[in-house]
Amino acid sequence: MNEVVLRFEEVAKTYPGTPPVESLRGVDLEVRAGDMVAVVGPSGSGKTTLLNLAAGLDRPTGGSVLLGGERVETLSDRRLSGLRAHAIGIVFQRFFLLDHRTAAANVADGLLYRGVPPHRRRAAALEALERVGLAERAGRQARVLSGGERQRVAIARALVGRPALVLADEPTGNLDSATGDQILALLHGLNADGVTLLLITHDPHVAAACGRRVELRDGRVAERTADRA
């Protein structure tokens, strides 16, 4: 059976306020190596909170998040940062590329916190760009790339360290439908090659293309599909 790379055990997250905001309420979720899982739900359902917890960017107020077999809530900030740098790749909806740096430099930045020497960072970046079909654009500044190309650079940056899990926040959200379909096909190809993916999406087309779908509503899992054969 495939290794569990992410597990939520009765996870709750409450933000202070008057009244406090319960963003997640007893969520159970398991992602195994090789999965492609979509998390869907309306605005305010808890999708962003789930993403932040899965990425180790936040800690639960109840229950437990296991990332790479370690309980996030018990780790020091330093240990959590190290785990995040090695175990997780994140594809942000708004890309967050540095416009005046090349595609290769933006991808290489994904290895900055691993202590990888510059020449090895560049070699890994070129390999990752080739993997997403952008090898010939490696020397182009990000500002001259199309939206689809920028998203491919962002995906390459998430892949460059070969993390156990890649998280994608609305990976087609800023793209037209044709380009979005290309990115979805790319993600499918990467998953077929063994990349484990957890996608946060509002797009039913994207969700339907994933092996599993988990629907959040009011901070709880309202529905989930079984793995496809």
Protein backbone atom coordinates (compact mmCIF):
# COMPACT_ATOMS: atom_id res chain seq x y z
CA MET A 1 0.00 0.00 0.00
CA ASN A 2 1.25 3.50 -0.84
CA GLU A 3 2.83 5.56 1.91
CA VAL A 4 0.69 8.17 3.65
CA VAL A 5 2.27 11.58 2.99
CA LEU A 6 -0.41 13.75 4.66
CA ARG A 7 -3.03 12.96 7.26
CA PHE A 8 -5.56 15.14 9.06
CA GLU A 9 -6.96 13.57 12.24
CA GLU A 10 -10.05 15.37 13.56
CA VAL A 11 -8.39 18.67 12.68
CA ALA A 12 -9.92 21.89 13.96
CA LYS A 13 -8.77 25.45 13.41
CA THR A 14 -10.30 28.38 15.25
CA TYR A 15 -9.19 31.97 14.73
CA PRO A 16 -9.54 34.38 17.65
CA GLY A 17 -12.11 37.12 17.45
CA THR A 18 -15.48 38.22 18.74
CA PRO A 19 -16.91 35.72 18.15
CA PRO A 20 -14.09 33.26 17.31
CA VAL A 21 -14.15 31.90 13.75
CA GLU A 22 -14.24 28.11 13.43
CA SER A 23 -12.64 27.56 10.04
CA LEU A 24 -12.21 23.76 10.27
CA ARG A 25 -14.24 21.45 12.49
CA GLY A 26 -13.03 17.88 12.90
CA VAL A 27 -11.65 17.24 9.41
CA ASP A 28 -10.27 13.80 8.55
CA LEU A 29 -8.24 13.51 5.35
CA GLU A 30 -5.57 11.17 4.07
CA VAL A 31 -3.34 11.62 1.03
CA ARG A 32 -1.15 8.74 -0.09
CA ALA A 33 1.83 8.73 -2.42
CA GLY A 34 0.62 8.89 -6.01
CA ASP A 35 -2.78 10.41 -5.19
CA MET A 36 -4.34 13.32 -7.07
CA VAL A 37 -6.94 14.82 -4.74
CA ALA A 38 -9.20 17.84 -5.29
CA VAL A 39 -10.56 19.81 -2.34
CA VAL A 40 -13.65 21.79 -3.30
CA GLY A 41 -16.24 23.92 -1.55
CA PRO A 42 -17.81 27.38 -1.53
CA SER A 43 -16.04 30.50 -0.34
CA GLY A 44 -15.61 30.34 3.43
CA SER A 45 -15.77 26.55 3.57
CA GLY A 46 -12.24 26.21 4.96
CA LYS A 47 -10.26 25.36 1.80
CA THR A 48 -7.56 27.99 2.35
CA THR A 49 -7.18 27.01 5.99
CA LEU A 50 -6.80 23.37 4.97
CA LEU A 51 -4.13 24.34 2.43
CA ASN A 52 -2.19 26.38 5.01
CA LEU A 53 -2.26 23.51 7.49
CA ALA A 54 -1.25 20.95 4.84
CA ALA A 55 1.67 23.20 3.87
CA GLY A 56 2.85 23.59 7.45
CA LEU A 57 2.21 27.34 7.24
CA ASP A 58 -0.15 27.18 10.21
CA ARG A 59 -0.89 24.84 13.10
CA PRO A 60 -4.20 23.28 14.13
CA THR A 61 -5.97 24.29 17.31
CA GLY A 62 -7.41 20.81 17.66
CA GLY A 63 -6.65 17.36 16.31
CA SER A 64 -3.42 16.53 14.51
CA VAL A 65 -1.78 17.13 11.13
CA LEU A 66 0.82 14.54 10.11
CA LEU A 67 3.19 15.60 7.36
CA GLY A 68 5.81 13.09 6.32
CA GLY A 69 4.93 11.11 9.44
CA GLU A 70 5.60 14.02 11.81
CA ARG A 71 2.94 15.82 13.85
CA VAL A 72 3.05 19.46 12.76
CA GLU A 73 1.66 20.81 16.02
CA THR A 74 4.52 19.33 18.06
CA LEU A 75 7.41 20.69 15.96
CA SER A 76 9.55 23.71 16.69
CA ASP A 77 9.37 26.55 14.17
CA ARG A 78 12.85 25.63 12.92
CA ARG A 79 12.02 21.94 12.48
CA LEU A 80 8.72 22.79 10.79
CA SER A 81 10.47 25.15 8.36
CA GLY A 82 12.94 22.40 7.48
CA LEU A 83 10.19 19.86 6.97
CA ARG A 84 8.25 22.29 4.79
CA ALA A 85 11.33 23.02 2.65
CA HIS A 86 11.97 19.33 1.98
CA ALA A 87 8.53 17.70 1.96
CA ILE A 88 6.23 20.26 0.31
CA GLY A 89 6.04 22.10 -3.00
CA ILE A 90 3.42 24.84 -3.37
CA VAL A 91 1.90 26.24 -6.56
CA PHE A 92 0.26 29.57 -5.78
CA GLN A 93 -2.69 30.91 -7.75
CA ARG A 94 -0.93 34.22 -8.39
CA PHE A 95 2.39 32.57 -9.33
CA PHE A 96 4.57 34.86 -7.11
CA LEU A 97 7.41 34.98 -9.62
CA LEU A 98 10.05 37.71 -9.64
CA ASP A 99 9.38 39.51 -12.92
CA HIS A 100 12.95 40.61 -13.67
CA ARG A 101 14.52 37.21 -12.95
CA THR A 102 14.65 34.45 -15.51
CA ALA A 103 12.44 31.40 -15.46
CA ALA A 104 15.44 29.30 -14.42
CA ALA A 105 16.33 31.67 -11.57
CA ASN A 106 12.75 31.66 -10.28
CA VAL A 107 12.70 27.87 -10.27
CA ALA A 108 16.13 27.63 -8.64
CA ASP A 109 14.82 29.82 -5.81
CA GLY A 110 12.74 26.82 -4.75
CA LEU A 111 15.98 25.26 -3.44
CA LEU A 112 17.28 28.29 -1.52
CA TYR A 113 16.33 26.92 1.88
CA ARG A 114 17.91 23.53 1.29
CA GLY A 115 21.50 24.72 1.23
CA VAL A 116 22.01 23.48 -2.34
CA PRO A 117 25.05 25.05 -4.11
CA PRO A 118 24.21 27.50 -6.93
CA HIS A 119 25.44 25.28 -9.78
CA ARG A 120 23.31 22.39 -8.56
CA ARG A 121 20.30 24.68 -8.10
CA ARG A 122 20.58 25.79 -11.73
CA ALA A 123 20.95 22.22 -13.03
CA ALA A 124 17.90 21.11 -11.05
CA ALA A 125 15.93 24.15 -12.27
CA LEU A 126 16.69 23.36 -15.91
CA GLU A 127 15.61 19.76 -15.37
CA ALA A 128 12.35 20.88 -13.74
CA LEU A 129 11.63 23.33 -16.56
CA GLU A 130 12.18 20.57 -19.10
CA ARG A 131 9.73 18.43 -17.16
CA VAL A 132 6.99 21.05 -17.61
CA GLY A 133 7.84 21.71 -21.25
CA LEU A 134 9.60 25.06 -20.82
CA ALA A 135 13.28 24.22 -21.31
CA GLU A 136 13.55 26.64 -24.22
CA ARG A 137 12.22 29.52 -22.07
CA ALA A 138 14.68 29.04 -19.21
CA GLY A 139 16.58 32.26 -19.98
CA ARG A 140 13.51 34.46 -20.46
CA GLN A 141 12.52 36.94 -17.78
CA ALA A 142 9.27 36.03 -16.07
CA ARG A 143 7.68 39.34 -17.07
CA VAL A 144 7.68 38.39 -20.78
CA LEU A 145 6.09 34.97 -20.29
CA SER A 146 2.41 34.25 -20.93
CA GLY A 147 0.07 33.35 -18.09
CA GLY A 148 0.27 29.66 -18.94
CA GLU A 149 4.05 29.78 -19.10
CA ARG A 150 4.22 31.57 -15.76
CA GLN A 151 2.06 28.87 -14.22
CA ARG A 152 4.37 26.21 -15.66
CA VAL A 153 7.35 28.01 -14.09
CA ALA A 154 5.49 28.04 -10.76
CA ILE A 155 4.84 24.31 -11.09
CA ALA A 156 8.50 23.68 -11.94
CA ARG A 157 9.53 25.63 -8.84
CA ALA A 158 7.26 23.42 -6.72
CA LEU A 159 8.73 20.29 -8.29
CA VAL A 160 12.41 21.25 -8.25
CA GLY A 161 13.15 19.75 -4.84
CA ARG A 162 11.23 16.54 -5.61
CA PRO A 163 8.90 16.96 -2.61
CA ALA A 164 6.68 14.21 -1.26
CA LEU A 165 3.58 16.36 -1.86
CA VAL A 166 2.73 19.21 -4.22
CA LEU A 167 -0.08 21.55 -3.16
CA ALA A 168 -1.76 23.68 -5.82
CA ASP A 169 -4.04 26.60 -4.95
CA GLU A 170 -6.52 27.19 -7.79
CA PRO A 171 -3.92 26.16 -10.41
CA THR A 172 -6.19 27.19 -13.31
CA GLY A 173 -7.92 30.10 -11.59
CA ASN A 174 -6.05 32.93 -13.37
CA LEU A 175 -6.01 31.30 -16.80
CA ASP A 176 -8.37 31.17 -19.75
CA SER A 177 -10.15 27.86 -20.31
CA ALA A 178 -7.83 26.60 -23.08
CA THR A 179 -4.67 27.37 -21.09
CA GLY A 180 -6.30 25.95 -17.97
CA ASP A 181 -6.92 22.69 -19.82
CA GLN A 182 -3.24 22.57 -20.79
CA ILE A 183 -2.17 23.05 -17.17
CA LEU A 184 -4.62 20.37 -16.04
CA ALA A 185 -3.20 17.99 -18.64
CA LEU A 186 0.31 18.80 -17.37
CA LEU A 187 -0.72 18.05 -13.77
CA HIS A 188 -2.26 14.76 -14.91
CA GLY A 189 0.97 13.84 -16.65
CA LEU A 190 3.02 14.67 -13.58
CA ASN A 191 0.69 12.58 -11.42
CA ALA A 192 1.05 9.68 -13.86
CA ASP A 193 4.82 10.02 -13.36
CA GLY A 194 4.38 9.64 -9.60
CA VAL A 195 3.91 13.21 -8.33
CA THR A 196 1.44 13.37 -5.43
CA LEU A 197 -0.98 16.28 -5.78
CA LEU A 198 -3.53 18.01 -3.57
CA LEU A 199 -5.45 20.67 -5.48
CA ILE A 200 -7.62 23.40 -3.99
CA THR A 201 -10.14 24.39 -6.64
CA HIS A 202 -13.55 25.90 -7.27
CA ASP A 203 -13.62 24.55 -10.82
CA PRO A 204 -15.81 21.42 -11.18
CA HIS A 205 -13.94 20.51 -14.38
CA VAL A 206 -10.65 20.36 -12.47
CA ALA A 207 -12.22 18.46 -9.58
CA ALA A 208 -13.83 15.92 -11.90
CA ALA A 209 -10.44 15.21 -13.47
CA CYS A 210 -8.87 14.20 -10.15
CA GLY A 211 -8.78 10.69 -8.78
CA ARG A 212 -10.52 11.77 -5.58
CA ARG A 213 -12.68 14.71 -4.57
CA VAL A 214 -13.26 16.04 -1.05
CA GLU A 215 -15.95 18.67 -0.52
CA LEU A 216 -15.77 21.05 2.43
CA ARG A 217 -18.81 22.87 3.75
CA ASP A 218 -18.82 25.05 6.88
CA GLY A 219 -15.44 23.66 7.90
CA ARG A 220 -16.46 20.00 7.69
CA VAL A 221 -16.09 17.27 5.10
CA ALA A 222 -19.53 17.19 3.50
CA GLU A 223 -18.82 14.65 0.78
CA ARG A 224 -15.96 12.64 -0.63
CA THR A 225 -15.50 10.33 -3.59
CA ALA A 226 -13.72 7.01 -3.44
CA ASP A 227 -10.50 6.35 -5.32
CA ARG A 228 -11.03 5.52 -8.96
CA ALA A 229 -10.07 2.10 -10.15
